[in-house]
Amino acid sequence: MPGAAPPIKITNVGIVSKPRNAPAVRVVPELVKWLAARGVGVQVDPETATYLGGDMPVHMLPREKVAEGTQLLIVLGGDGTLLSAARAVGGRDIPLFAVNLGNLGFLTAITVDELYPQLERALQGDFQVSTRQMLHTELWRKGAIARTYEALNDTALAKADIARIIDLEVHVDDQLMCHYKADGLIVSTPTGSTAYSLSAGGPIMVPDVAAICITPICPHMLTNRPVIVPGDAVIQLTLCSDSPTFLTIDGQEGQQLEQDDRVICRRSEHTVNLIRPHGANFFDVLREKLKWGGR
């Protein structure tokens, strides 16, 4: 770890962690001590607190509140942990410093080896940020909004039964786009284009493109292909059958739909600021994580 502490500009940080993660057992206590030695206050979520003893100088808060009053949120885990943290930030203009303690780490681009050198610079305000579009989703039932969600990656509708496909009608800006019979449908942000949508055959979008991608999952018609629409488009999905169907947000939360439910997706007013390693770019990540050019 680095030696002498530099002058501090960031005075309070939050930490959220992946639960039951072997590397976090070592990293979390070490990190809290490192921050305390530099006079930085630390707030943690309950998952992070499980890695700490009772004498650690931290404040424990629910995950959705751990970013309150901080200037930086440190995320320790994989992409799933980051997705959860991004929703918990709740539109606050707080950069996320995401360290990969998982496997792929497409979004958690900072490695454990880079943690302290990169964090040293970040505490001084010396970092580059990638601002990511979020997706706002409304579930309409019986003419009223039943629930709203924010997603960093995607909103997906997928069948619940083994055999039956679902019947969906999709409108874009009040114009009928398609009547799908498929296993499901994914509405993704540019960030989400490298996640579930990619595995369903969707295209990769550069993160700062102002666009939304609509990707069918195993459609009945082979001519049903992914469609990219403008970033300010309003997408309405209507469930036209009684086939058991689930709405999921970033693959982590959601609920079962009912026939005639409508799901409306649009660009969120919120964005997420991800701190990226100095010198890194999106195509470097694609080559490394997707093994482009490998043999």
C-alpha atoms as a PDB file:
ATOM      1  CA  MET A   1       0.000   0.000   0.000  1.00  0.00           C
ATOM      2  CA  PRO A   2       1.138   3.608  -0.547  1.00  0.00           C
ATOM      3  CA  GLY A   3       3.122   5.302   2.180  1.00  0.00           C
ATOM      4  CA  ALA A   4       2.692   8.953   3.199  1.00  0.00           C
ATOM      5  CA  ALA A   5      -0.804  10.376   2.968  1.00  0.00           C
ATOM      6  CA  PRO A   6      -1.326  13.343   0.601  1.00  0.00           C
ATOM      7  CA  PRO A   7      -3.558  16.342   1.409  1.00  0.00           C
ATOM      8  CA  ILE A   8      -7.179  15.199   1.422  1.00  0.00           C
ATOM      9  CA  LYS A   9      -9.893  16.709  -0.773  1.00  0.00           C
ATOM     10  CA  ILE A  10     -12.495  13.971  -0.380  1.00  0.00           C
ATOM     11  CA  THR A  11     -13.391  13.783   3.307  1.00  0.00           C
ATOM     12  CA  ASN A  12     -16.117  11.133   3.468  1.00  0.00           C
ATOM     13  CA  VAL A  13     -16.681   7.984   1.413  1.00  0.00           C
ATOM     14  CA  GLY A  14     -19.195   5.172   1.334  1.00  0.00           C
ATOM     15  CA  ILE A  15     -18.337   1.504   0.784  1.00  0.00           C
ATOM     16  CA  VAL A  16     -20.662  -1.209  -0.512  1.00  0.00           C
ATOM     17  CA  SER A  17     -19.475  -4.791  -0.941  1.00  0.00           C
ATOM     18  CA  LYS A  18     -20.480  -8.088  -2.423  1.00  0.00           C
ATOM     19  CA  PRO A  19     -21.681 -10.433   0.354  1.00  0.00           C
ATOM     20  CA  ARG A  20     -19.810 -13.651   1.141  1.00  0.00           C
ATOM     21  CA  ASN A  21     -16.842 -12.716  -1.039  1.00  0.00           C
ATOM     22  CA  ALA A  22     -13.477 -14.276  -0.141  1.00  0.00           C
ATOM     23  CA  PRO A  23     -11.226 -11.406  -1.388  1.00  0.00           C
ATOM     24  CA  ALA A  24     -13.354  -8.878   0.525  1.00  0.00           C
ATOM     25  CA  VAL A  25     -12.422 -10.555   3.825  1.00  0.00           C
ATOM     26  CA  ARG A  26      -8.904  -9.152   3.356  1.00  0.00           C
ATOM     27  CA  VAL A  27      -9.586  -6.049   1.253  1.00  0.00           C
ATOM     28  CA  VAL A  28     -12.332  -4.388   3.333  1.00  0.00           C
ATOM     29  CA  PRO A  29     -10.523  -4.117   6.733  1.00  0.00           C
ATOM     30  CA  GLU A  30      -7.320  -3.075   4.985  1.00  0.00           C
ATOM     31  CA  LEU A  31      -9.152  -0.385   3.003  1.00  0.00           C
ATOM     32  CA  VAL A  32     -10.982   1.047   6.029  1.00  0.00           C
ATOM     33  CA  LYS A  33      -7.697   1.350   7.958  1.00  0.00           C
ATOM     34  CA  TRP A  34      -6.034   2.983   4.941  1.00  0.00           C
ATOM     35  CA  LEU A  35      -8.830   5.566   4.672  1.00  0.00           C
ATOM     36  CA  ALA A  36      -8.891   6.225   8.425  1.00  0.00           C
ATOM     37  CA  ALA A  37      -5.135   6.895   8.394  1.00  0.00           C
ATOM     38  CA  ARG A  38      -5.841   9.669   5.885  1.00  0.00           C
ATOM     39  CA  GLY A  39      -8.624  11.212   7.931  1.00  0.00           C
ATOM     40  CA  VAL A  40     -11.373  10.057   5.589  1.00  0.00           C
ATOM     41  CA  GLY A  41     -14.732   9.205   7.169  1.00  0.00           C
ATOM     42  CA  VAL A  42     -16.257   5.884   6.129  1.00  0.00           C
ATOM     43  CA  GLN A  43     -19.881   4.788   5.844  1.00  0.00           C
ATOM     44  CA  VAL A  44     -20.643   1.147   5.034  1.00  0.00           C
ATOM     45  CA  ASP A  45     -23.653  -0.984   4.170  1.00  0.00           C
ATOM     46  CA  PRO A  46     -24.534  -4.074   6.256  1.00  0.00           C
ATOM     47  CA  GLU A  47     -22.783  -6.421   3.805  1.00  0.00           C
ATOM     48  CA  THR A  48     -19.520  -4.500   4.174  1.00  0.00           C
ATOM     49  CA  ALA A  49     -19.894  -4.415   7.960  1.00  0.00           C
ATOM     50  CA  THR A  50     -19.786  -8.228   8.094  1.00  0.00           C
ATOM     51  CA  TYR A  51     -16.111  -8.068   7.058  1.00  0.00           C
ATOM     52  CA  LEU A  52     -15.194  -5.704   9.909  1.00  0.00           C
ATOM     53  CA  GLY A  53     -14.615  -6.045  13.621  1.00  0.00           C
ATOM     54  CA  GLY A  54     -16.485  -3.932  16.153  1.00  0.00           C
ATOM     55  CA  ASP A  55     -13.591  -1.510  16.693  1.00  0.00           C
ATOM     56  CA  MET A  56     -13.456  -0.202  13.113  1.00  0.00           C
ATOM     57  CA  PRO A  57     -14.092   3.570  12.667  1.00  0.00           C
ATOM     58  CA  VAL A  58     -17.167   3.305  10.417  1.00  0.00           C
ATOM     59  CA  HIS A  59     -20.847   4.221  10.373  1.00  0.00           C
ATOM     60  CA  MET A  60     -23.259   1.531   9.163  1.00  0.00           C
ATOM     61  CA  LEU A  61     -26.278   2.549   7.082  1.00  0.00           C
ATOM     62  CA  PRO A  62     -28.742   0.741   4.802  1.00  0.00           C
ATOM     63  CA  ARG A  63     -27.355   0.374   1.278  1.00  0.00           C
ATOM     64  CA  GLU A  64     -29.817   2.901  -0.142  1.00  0.00           C
ATOM     65  CA  LYS A  65     -28.517   5.522   2.335  1.00  0.00           C
ATOM     66  CA  VAL A  66     -24.813   4.724   2.484  1.00  0.00           C
ATOM     67  CA  ALA A  67     -23.939   7.369  -0.128  1.00  0.00           C
ATOM     68  CA  GLU A  68     -25.625  10.214   1.786  1.00  0.00           C
ATOM     69  CA  GLY A  69     -23.148  12.927   2.759  1.00  0.00           C
ATOM     70  CA  THR A  70     -20.242  11.326   0.886  1.00  0.00           C
ATOM     71  CA  GLN A  71     -18.184  12.551  -2.045  1.00  0.00           C
ATOM     72  CA  LEU A  72     -17.247   9.091  -3.340  1.00  0.00           C
ATOM     73  CA  LEU A  73     -18.800   5.618  -3.268  1.00  0.00           C
ATOM     74  CA  ILE A  74     -16.392   2.667  -3.342  1.00  0.00           C
ATOM     75  CA  VAL A  75     -17.918  -0.532  -4.744  1.00  0.00           C
ATOM     76  CA  LEU A  76     -16.167  -3.823  -3.967  1.00  0.00           C
ATOM     77  CA  GLY A  77     -17.396  -6.826  -5.928  1.00  0.00           C
ATOM     78  CA  GLY A  78     -18.489  -7.646  -9.440  1.00  0.00           C
ATOM     79  CA  ASP A  79     -20.782  -6.035 -11.967  1.00  0.00           C
ATOM     80  CA  GLY A  80     -23.859  -7.175 -10.029  1.00  0.00           C
ATOM     81  CA  THR A  81     -22.695  -5.290  -6.942  1.00  0.00           C
ATOM     82  CA  LEU A  82     -22.124  -2.194  -9.056  1.00  0.00           C
ATOM     83  CA  LEU A  83     -25.612  -2.400 -10.589  1.00  0.00           C
ATOM     84  CA  SER A  84     -27.141  -2.562  -7.116  1.00  0.00           C
ATOM     85  CA  ALA A  85     -24.989   0.349  -5.915  1.00  0.00           C
ATOM     86  CA  ALA A  86     -25.866   2.457  -8.962  1.00  0.00           C
ATOM     87  CA  ARG A  87     -29.569   2.164  -8.181  1.00  0.00           C
ATOM     88  CA  ALA A  88     -28.895   2.913  -4.500  1.00  0.00           C
ATOM     89  CA  VAL A  89     -27.106   6.174  -5.372  1.00  0.00           C
ATOM     90  CA  GLY A  90     -30.540   7.376  -6.440  1.00  0.00           C
ATOM     91  CA  GLY A  91     -29.531  10.197  -8.755  1.00  0.00           C
ATOM     92  CA  ARG A  92     -26.980  11.755  -6.391  1.00  0.00           C
ATOM     93  CA  ASP A  93     -24.034  13.268  -8.230  1.00  0.00           C
ATOM     94  CA  ILE A  94     -21.524  10.954  -6.541  1.00  0.00           C
ATOM     95  CA  PRO A  95     -18.855   9.114  -8.572  1.00  0.00           C
ATOM     96  CA  LEU A  96     -18.576   5.346  -8.158  1.00  0.00           C
ATOM     97  CA  PHE A  97     -15.109   3.872  -7.658  1.00  0.00           C
ATOM     98  CA  ALA A  98     -15.698   0.228  -8.626  1.00  0.00           C
ATOM     99  CA  VAL A  99     -13.096  -2.423  -7.763  1.00  0.00           C
ATOM    100  CA  ASN A 100     -13.400  -5.872  -9.318  1.00  0.00           C
ATOM    101  CA  LEU A 101     -13.545  -8.666  -6.741  1.00  0.00           C
ATOM    102  CA  GLY A 102     -15.652 -10.834  -9.052  1.00  0.00           C
ATOM    103  CA  ASN A 103     -15.052 -12.666 -12.302  1.00  0.00           C
ATOM    104  CA  LEU A 104     -15.706 -10.787 -15.556  1.00  0.00           C
ATOM    105  CA  GLY A 105     -15.709  -7.260 -14.144  1.00  0.00           C
ATOM    106  CA  PHE A 106     -16.908  -5.477 -17.265  1.00  0.00           C
ATOM    107  CA  LEU A 107     -18.057  -2.406 -15.324  1.00  0.00           C
ATOM    108  CA  THR A 108     -15.837  -2.818 -12.264  1.00  0.00           C
ATOM    109  CA  ALA A 109     -12.742  -1.883 -14.220  1.00  0.00           C
ATOM    110  CA  ILE A 110     -10.295  -1.196 -11.353  1.00  0.00           C
ATOM    111  CA  THR A 111      -8.313  -4.232 -10.205  1.00  0.00           C
ATOM    112  CA  VAL A 112      -7.258  -4.960  -6.617  1.00  0.00           C
ATOM    113  CA  ASP A 113      -3.653  -4.207  -7.603  1.00  0.00           C
ATOM    114  CA  GLU A 114      -4.758  -0.773  -8.862  1.00  0.00           C
ATOM    115  CA  LEU A 115      -6.962  -0.030  -5.834  1.00  0.00           C
ATOM    116  CA  TYR A 116      -4.623   2.105  -3.714  1.00  0.00           C
ATOM    117  CA  PRO A 117      -2.740   3.980  -6.484  1.00  0.00           C
ATOM    118  CA  GLN A 118      -6.030   4.861  -8.204  1.00  0.00           C
ATOM    119  CA  LEU A 119      -7.766   5.728  -4.926  1.00  0.00           C
ATOM    120  CA  GLU A 120      -4.852   7.947  -3.866  1.00  0.00           C
ATOM    121  CA  ARG A 121      -5.417  10.001  -7.011  1.00  0.00           C
ATOM    122  CA  ALA A 122      -9.205   9.940  -6.668  1.00  0.00           C
ATOM    123  CA  LEU A 123      -9.044  11.407  -3.151  1.00  0.00           C
ATOM    124  CA  GLN A 124      -7.324  14.426  -4.686  1.00  0.00           C
ATOM    125  CA  GLY A 125     -10.022  14.791  -7.331  1.00  0.00           C
ATOM    126  CA  ASP A 126      -7.655  13.437  -9.994  1.00  0.00           C
ATOM    127  CA  PHE A 127      -9.825  10.970 -11.884  1.00  0.00           C
ATOM    128  CA  GLN A 128     -11.647  10.528 -15.160  1.00  0.00           C
ATOM    129  CA  VAL A 129     -15.363   9.814 -15.202  1.00  0.00           C
ATOM    130  CA  SER A 130     -17.558   7.953 -17.660  1.00  0.00           C
ATOM    131  CA  THR A 131     -21.120   9.252 -17.350  1.00  0.00           C
ATOM    132  CA  ARG A 132     -23.669   6.508 -18.015  1.00  0.00           C
ATOM    133  CA  GLN A 133     -27.298   6.868 -19.047  1.00  0.00           C
ATOM    134  CA  MET A 134     -29.911   5.139 -16.876  1.00  0.00           C
ATOM    135  CA  LEU A 135     -33.324   3.778 -17.866  1.00  0.00           C
ATOM    136  CA  HIS A 136     -36.555   4.811 -16.137  1.00  0.00           C
ATOM    137  CA  THR A 137     -39.286   2.151 -16.140  1.00  0.00           C
ATOM    138  CA  GLU A 138     -42.931   2.491 -15.135  1.00  0.00           C
ATOM    139  CA  LEU A 139     -45.283  -0.437 -14.576  1.00  0.00           C
ATOM    140  CA  TRP A 140     -48.859   0.585 -15.400  1.00  0.00           C
ATOM    141  CA  ARG A 141     -51.722  -1.567 -14.115  1.00  0.00           C
ATOM    142  CA  LYS A 142     -55.435  -0.770 -14.450  1.00  0.00           C
ATOM    143  CA  GLY A 143     -54.709   2.755 -15.688  1.00  0.00           C
ATOM    144  CA  ALA A 144     -52.313   3.801 -12.915  1.00  0.00           C
ATOM    145  CA  ILE A 145     -48.601   3.559 -12.169  1.00  0.00           C
ATOM    146  CA  ALA A 146     -48.109   0.556  -9.894  1.00  0.00           C
ATOM    147  CA  ARG A 147     -44.347   0.935  -9.507  1.00  0.00           C
ATOM    148  CA  THR A 148     -41.317   2.701 -10.964  1.00  0.00           C
ATOM    149  CA  TYR A 149     -37.734   1.497 -11.347  1.00  0.00           C
ATOM    150  CA  GLU A 150     -34.312   2.836 -12.357  1.00  0.00           C
ATOM    151  CA  ALA A 151     -31.866   0.597 -14.243  1.00  0.00           C
ATOM    152  CA  LEU A 152     -28.265   1.015 -15.313  1.00  0.00           C
ATOM    153  CA  ASN A 153     -28.264  -1.984 -17.666  1.00  0.00           C
ATOM    154  CA  ASP A 154     -31.714  -3.050 -18.741  1.00  0.00           C
ATOM    155  CA  THR A 155     -35.371  -3.765 -18.246  1.00  0.00           C
ATOM    156  CA  ALA A 156     -36.444  -7.226 -19.388  1.00  0.00           C
ATOM    157  CA  LEU A 157     -39.705  -9.089 -19.809  1.00  0.00           C
ATOM    158  CA  ALA A 158     -39.324 -12.865 -19.852  1.00  0.00           C
ATOM    159  CA  LYS A 159     -41.593 -15.897 -19.749  1.00  0.00           C
ATOM    160  CA  ALA A 160     -42.017 -17.816 -16.518  1.00  0.00           C
ATOM    161  CA  ASP A 161     -43.357 -21.081 -17.930  1.00  0.00           C
ATOM    162  CA  ILE A 162     -41.120 -23.739 -19.479  1.00  0.00           C
ATOM    163  CA  ALA A 163     -42.940 -24.086 -22.789  1.00  0.00           C
ATOM    164  CA  ARG A 164     -45.156 -21.056 -23.453  1.00  0.00           C
ATOM    165  CA  ILE A 165     -43.921 -17.969 -25.257  1.00  0.00           C
ATOM    166  CA  ILE A 166     -45.250 -14.514 -24.425  1.00  0.00           C
ATOM    167  CA  ASP A 167     -47.227 -12.140 -26.611  1.00  0.00           C
ATOM    168  CA  LEU A 168     -46.032  -8.511 -26.569  1.00  0.00           C
ATOM    169  CA  GLU A 169     -47.002  -5.376 -28.441  1.00  0.00           C
ATOM    170  CA  VAL A 170     -44.299  -2.709 -28.656  1.00  0.00           C
ATOM    171  CA  HIS A 171     -44.879   0.966 -29.426  1.00  0.00           C
ATOM    172  CA  VAL A 172     -42.136   3.576 -29.860  1.00  0.00           C
ATOM    173  CA  ASP A 173     -43.289   7.176 -29.414  1.00  0.00           C
ATOM    174  CA  ASP A 174     -46.923   6.024 -29.799  1.00  0.00           C
ATOM    175  CA  GLN A 175     -46.174   4.291 -33.114  1.00  0.00           C
ATOM    176  CA  LEU A 176     -46.637   0.528 -33.370  1.00  0.00           C
ATOM    177  CA  MET A 177     -43.222  -1.041 -33.856  1.00  0.00           C
ATOM    178  CA  CYS A 178     -43.909  -4.771 -33.644  1.00  0.00           C
ATOM    179  CA  HIS A 179     -46.144  -7.479 -32.225  1.00  0.00           C
ATOM    180  CA  TYR A 180     -43.703 -10.016 -30.784  1.00  0.00           C
ATOM    181  CA  LYS A 181     -44.161 -13.654 -29.942  1.00  0.00           C
ATOM    182  CA  ALA A 182     -40.963 -14.528 -28.108  1.00  0.00           C
ATOM    183  CA  ASP A 183     -39.418 -15.838 -24.920  1.00  0.00           C
ATOM    184  CA  GLY A 184     -39.050 -12.220 -23.870  1.00  0.00           C
ATOM    185  CA  LEU A 185     -37.765  -8.756 -24.702  1.00  0.00           C
ATOM    186  CA  ILE A 186     -34.889  -6.611 -23.402  1.00  0.00           C
ATOM    187  CA  VAL A 187     -34.782  -2.815 -23.376  1.00  0.00           C
ATOM    188  CA  SER A 188     -31.193  -1.791 -22.703  1.00  0.00           C
ATOM    189  CA  THR A 189     -29.050   1.279 -22.233  1.00  0.00           C
ATOM    190  CA  PRO A 190     -25.691   1.553 -24.027  1.00  0.00           C
ATOM    191  CA  THR A 191     -24.084   0.276 -20.804  1.00  0.00           C
ATOM    192  CA  GLY A 192     -26.457  -2.702 -20.812  1.00  0.00           C
ATOM    193  CA  SER A 193     -25.689  -3.494 -24.448  1.00  0.00           C
ATOM    194  CA  THR A 194     -22.736  -5.627 -23.306  1.00  0.00           C
ATOM    195  CA  ALA A 195     -24.859  -7.587 -20.812  1.00  0.00           C
ATOM    196  CA  TYR A 196     -28.105  -9.580 -21.280  1.00  0.00           C
ATOM    197  CA  SER A 197     -28.847  -7.900 -24.616  1.00  0.00           C
ATOM    198  CA  LEU A 198     -25.485  -8.981 -26.037  1.00  0.00           C
ATOM    199  CA  SER A 199     -26.108 -12.611 -25.086  1.00  0.00           C
ATOM    200  CA  ALA A 200     -29.486 -12.398 -26.873  1.00  0.00           C
ATOM    201  CA  GLY A 201     -27.812 -11.230 -30.091  1.00  0.00           C
ATOM    202  CA  GLY A 202     -27.986  -7.477 -29.573  1.00  0.00           C
ATOM    203  CA  PRO A 203     -25.340  -5.003 -30.788  1.00  0.00           C
ATOM    204  CA  ILE A 204     -22.639  -3.345 -28.695  1.00  0.00           C
ATOM    205  CA  MET A 205     -23.163   0.383 -28.204  1.00  0.00           C
ATOM    206  CA  VAL A 206     -20.436   2.798 -27.132  1.00  0.00           C
ATOM    207  CA  PRO A 207     -21.406   4.092 -23.649  1.00  0.00           C
ATOM    208  CA  ASP A 208     -21.831   7.755 -24.602  1.00  0.00           C
ATOM    209  CA  VAL A 209     -24.212   7.052 -27.508  1.00  0.00           C
ATOM    210  CA  ALA A 210     -27.660   8.571 -26.872  1.00  0.00           C
ATOM    211  CA  ALA A 211     -29.699   5.494 -27.756  1.00  0.00           C
ATOM    212  CA  ILE A 212     -31.803   2.622 -26.419  1.00  0.00           C
ATOM    213  CA  CYS A 213     -31.745  -0.924 -27.786  1.00  0.00           C
ATOM    214  CA  ILE A 214     -34.793  -3.214 -28.059  1.00  0.00           C
ATOM    215  CA  THR A 215     -33.720  -6.866 -28.287  1.00  0.00           C
ATOM    216  CA  PRO A 216     -36.152  -9.802 -28.599  1.00  0.00           C
ATOM    217  CA  ILE A 217     -35.256 -13.034 -26.791  1.00  0.00           C
ATOM    218  CA  CYS A 218     -35.649 -16.102 -29.044  1.00  0.00           C
ATOM    219  CA  PRO A 219     -38.429 -14.565 -31.207  1.00  0.00           C
ATOM    220  CA  HIS A 220     -40.843 -16.832 -33.096  1.00  0.00           C
ATOM    221  CA  MET A 221     -40.036 -14.964 -36.327  1.00  0.00           C
ATOM    222  CA  LEU A 222     -36.385 -15.106 -37.321  1.00  0.00           C
ATOM    223  CA  THR A 223     -36.785 -11.708 -39.016  1.00  0.00           C
ATOM    224  CA  ASN A 224     -37.389 -10.041 -35.631  1.00  0.00           C
ATOM    225  CA  ARG A 225     -34.028  -8.401 -35.009  1.00  0.00           C
ATOM    226  CA  PRO A 226     -32.719  -5.943 -32.396  1.00  0.00           C
ATOM    227  CA  VAL A 227     -33.664  -2.318 -33.061  1.00  0.00           C
ATOM    228  CA  ILE A 228     -31.849   0.806 -31.843  1.00  0.00           C
ATOM    229  CA  VAL A 229     -34.039   3.841 -31.186  1.00  0.00           C
ATOM    230  CA  PRO A 230     -33.113   7.414 -30.186  1.00  0.00           C
ATOM    231  CA  GLY A 231     -32.178   8.033 -26.581  1.00  0.00           C
ATOM    232  CA  ASP A 232     -35.226  10.251 -26.005  1.00  0.00           C
ATOM    233  CA  ALA A 233     -37.710   7.670 -27.341  1.00  0.00           C
ATOM    234  CA  VAL A 234     -40.570   6.425 -25.161  1.00  0.00           C
ATOM    235  CA  ILE A 235     -41.016   2.651 -25.430  1.00  0.00           C
ATOM    236  CA  GLN A 236     -44.267   1.003 -24.390  1.00  0.00           C
ATOM    237  CA  LEU A 237     -44.518  -2.762 -23.919  1.00  0.00           C
ATOM    238  CA  THR A 238     -48.005  -4.252 -23.523  1.00  0.00           C
ATOM    239  CA  LEU A 239     -48.518  -7.829 -22.374  1.00  0.00           C
ATOM    240  CA  CYS A 240     -51.234  -9.259 -24.634  1.00  0.00           C
ATOM    241  CA  SER A 241     -51.524 -12.768 -23.190  1.00  0.00           C
ATOM    242  CA  ASP A 242     -52.017 -14.430 -19.835  1.00  0.00           C
ATOM    243  CA  SER A 243     -48.725 -16.332 -20.077  1.00  0.00           C
ATOM    244  CA  PRO A 244     -46.841 -15.951 -16.769  1.00  0.00           C
ATOM    245  CA  THR A 245     -44.327 -13.165 -17.398  1.00  0.00           C
ATOM    246  CA  PHE A 246     -41.748 -11.489 -15.184  1.00  0.00           C
ATOM    247  CA  LEU A 247     -40.464  -7.934 -15.312  1.00  0.00           C
ATOM    248  CA  THR A 248     -36.844  -7.717 -14.149  1.00  0.00           C
ATOM    249  CA  ILE A 249     -34.613  -4.701 -13.620  1.00  0.00           C
ATOM    250  CA  ASP A 250     -30.865  -5.225 -14.104  1.00  0.00           C
ATOM    251  CA  GLY A 251     -31.563  -8.916 -13.479  1.00  0.00           C
ATOM    252  CA  GLN A 252     -31.906  -8.159  -9.756  1.00  0.00           C
ATOM    253  CA  GLU A 253     -35.399  -6.950  -8.904  1.00  0.00           C
ATOM    254  CA  GLY A 254     -38.869  -6.919 -10.385  1.00  0.00           C
ATOM    255  CA  GLN A 255     -42.229  -8.643 -10.244  1.00  0.00           C
ATOM    256  CA  GLN A 256     -44.714 -10.828 -12.109  1.00  0.00           C
ATOM    257  CA  LEU A 257     -46.917  -9.108 -14.683  1.00  0.00           C
ATOM    258  CA  GLU A 258     -50.622  -9.480 -15.364  1.00  0.00           C
ATOM    259  CA  GLN A 259     -52.421  -9.507 -18.705  1.00  0.00           C
ATOM    260  CA  ASP A 260     -52.846  -5.982 -20.150  1.00  0.00           C
ATOM    261  CA  ASP A 261     -50.092  -4.560 -17.924  1.00  0.00           C
ATOM    262  CA  ARG A 262     -48.060  -1.889 -19.676  1.00  0.00           C
ATOM    263  CA  VAL A 263     -44.356  -1.288 -19.142  1.00  0.00           C
ATOM    264  CA  ILE A 264     -43.079   2.117 -20.253  1.00  0.00           C
ATOM    265  CA  CYS A 265     -39.339   2.738 -20.620  1.00  0.00           C
ATOM    266  CA  ARG A 266     -37.588   6.036 -21.244  1.00  0.00           C
ATOM    267  CA  ARG A 267     -34.248   7.655 -20.549  1.00  0.00           C
ATOM    268  CA  SER A 268     -33.945   8.451 -16.868  1.00  0.00           C
ATOM    269  CA  GLU A 269     -33.286  11.917 -15.509  1.00  0.00           C
ATOM    270  CA  HIS A 270     -30.520  10.249 -13.479  1.00  0.00           C
ATOM    271  CA  THR A 271     -27.059   9.283 -14.654  1.00  0.00           C
ATOM    272  CA  VAL A 272     -24.252   7.299 -13.046  1.00  0.00           C
ATOM    273  CA  ASN A 273     -20.652   8.533 -12.950  1.00  0.00           C
ATOM    274  CA  LEU A 274     -18.155   5.669 -13.091  1.00  0.00           C
ATOM    275  CA  ILE A 275     -14.515   6.380 -12.293  1.00  0.00           C
ATOM    276  CA  ARG A 276     -12.324   4.737 -14.915  1.00  0.00           C
ATOM    277  CA  PRO A 277      -8.607   3.882 -14.631  1.00  0.00           C
ATOM    278  CA  HIS A 278      -6.351   6.549 -16.104  1.00  0.00           C
ATOM    279  CA  GLY A 279      -5.577   5.815 -19.742  1.00  0.00           C
ATOM    280  CA  ALA A 280      -8.272   3.153 -20.139  1.00  0.00           C
ATOM    281  CA  ASN A 281     -10.823   3.292 -22.952  1.00  0.00           C
ATOM    282  CA  PHE A 282     -13.932   1.333 -23.895  1.00  0.00           C
ATOM    283  CA  PHE A 283     -12.285  -0.600 -26.718  1.00  0.00           C
ATOM    284  CA  ASP A 284      -9.471  -1.733 -24.410  1.00  0.00           C
ATOM    285  CA  VAL A 285     -12.159  -3.228 -22.173  1.00  0.00           C
ATOM    286  CA  LEU A 286     -13.865  -4.953 -25.112  1.00  0.00           C
ATOM    287  CA  ARG A 287     -10.615  -6.525 -26.274  1.00  0.00           C
ATOM    288  CA  GLU A 288      -9.682  -7.678 -22.780  1.00  0.00           C
ATOM    289  CA  LYS A 289     -13.048  -8.906 -21.498  1.00  0.00           C
ATOM    290  CA  LEU A 290     -14.460 -10.311 -24.753  1.00  0.00           C
ATOM    291  CA  LYS A 291     -11.093 -11.710 -25.873  1.00  0.00           C
ATOM    292  CA  TRP A 292     -11.225  -9.894 -29.196  1.00  0.00           C
ATOM    293  CA  GLY A 293      -8.267 -10.796 -31.376  1.00  0.00           C
ATOM    294  CA  GLY A 294      -7.597 -13.956 -29.358  1.00  0.00           C
ATOM    295  CA  ARG A 295      -6.909 -17.339 -30.932  1.00  0.00           C
END
